[in-house]
Protein backbone atom coordinates (compact mmCIF):
# COMPACT_ATOMS: atom_id res chain seq x y z
CA MET A 1 6.75 -5.39 -4.73
CA GLY A 2 9.95 -3.64 -3.18
CA GLN A 3 10.38 -1.48 -6.09
CA TYR A 4 7.18 -0.07 -5.61
CA ILE A 5 7.50 0.64 -2.21
CA ALA A 6 11.06 2.19 -2.91
CA LEU A 7 9.07 4.35 -5.36
CA MET A 8 6.72 5.61 -3.09
CA ARG A 9 9.29 6.34 -0.52
CA ALA A 10 11.32 8.37 -3.04
CA HIS A 11 8.23 10.36 -3.70
CA GLY A 12 6.88 10.98 -0.29
CA ILE A 13 3.79 8.75 -0.94
CA ARG A 14 2.77 7.13 2.41
CA VAL A 15 -0.68 5.65 1.23
CA ALA A 16 -1.42 4.35 -2.07
CA GLY A 17 -2.71 1.75 -4.46
CA ILE A 18 -0.44 0.65 -6.97
CA GLU A 19 -1.91 -1.08 -10.33
CA PHE A 20 0.02 -2.86 -12.80
CA VAL A 21 -0.12 -5.78 -15.16
CA GLU A 22 2.45 -8.72 -15.63
CA ASP A 23 3.71 -10.30 -18.90
CA ALA A 24 4.08 -13.85 -19.40
CA ASN A 25 7.89 -13.48 -17.95
CA GLY A 26 6.69 -12.17 -14.62
CA ASP A 27 7.78 -8.49 -15.49
CA ARG A 28 5.34 -5.89 -13.98
CA TYR A 29 4.52 -2.64 -15.45
CA THR A 30 2.95 0.02 -13.38
CA TYR A 31 0.27 2.26 -15.17
CA ASP A 32 -1.39 3.88 -11.99
CA ILE A 33 -0.52 4.99 -8.34
CA ASN A 34 -3.25 6.47 -6.57
CA GLY A 35 -4.64 7.08 -3.14
CA THR A 36 -7.32 4.27 -3.31
CA THR A 37 -7.39 0.87 -4.78
CA ASN A 38 -9.63 -2.40 -4.75
CA PHE A 39 -9.20 -4.62 -1.28
CA ASN A 40 -6.32 -7.18 -2.20
CA PRO A 41 -5.74 -9.72 0.51
CA ASP A 42 -3.10 -11.47 -1.53
CA VAL A 43 -1.31 -8.04 -1.86
CA GLU A 44 -1.68 -7.52 1.60
CA GLN A 45 0.14 -10.68 2.68
CA GLU A 46 2.68 -10.50 0.36
CA ALA A 47 3.82 -6.98 1.59
CA GLY A 48 3.31 -8.05 5.05
CA VAL A 49 0.99 -4.90 5.77
CA ARG A 50 -2.65 -4.91 6.73
CA GLY A 51 -4.00 -1.98 4.37
CA MET A 52 -6.89 -0.79 6.39
CA ALA A 53 -4.89 -0.73 9.56
CA PHE A 54 -1.99 1.09 8.21
CA VAL A 55 -4.20 3.90 6.97
CA ALA A 56 -6.27 3.92 10.09
CA ALA A 57 -2.94 4.20 12.39
CA LEU A 58 -1.42 6.81 9.97
CA ALA A 59 -4.74 9.02 10.12
CA ALA A 60 -4.53 8.57 13.87
CA ARG A 61 -1.08 9.68 14.37
CA LEU A 62 -2.02 12.41 11.90
CA LEU A 63 -4.77 13.60 14.28
CA GLY A 64 -2.92 12.96 17.47
CA VAL A 65 -5.61 10.27 18.60
CA GLY A 66 -5.13 6.67 19.63
CA VAL A 67 -6.82 3.63 17.67
CA ALA A 68 -7.43 0.14 19.25
CA GLN A 69 -5.51 -2.50 17.61
CA SER A 70 -7.20 -5.75 16.20
CA ALA A 71 -5.73 -9.25 16.34
């Protein structure tokens, strides 16, 4: 997952869905990076980021408003 985060940072992408396939050896091949994706709780857990909470906080920061934090 780290290589995808590094790729996004290198290109200034702050919010994205990363789609990839994994071969029998565990090597991942990215085929799409876009602004939306299907919800995937396993990826959230692996990355340590709650996707929708991150998007809401980013939107609030850009708009200059507060967002209530959920537990």
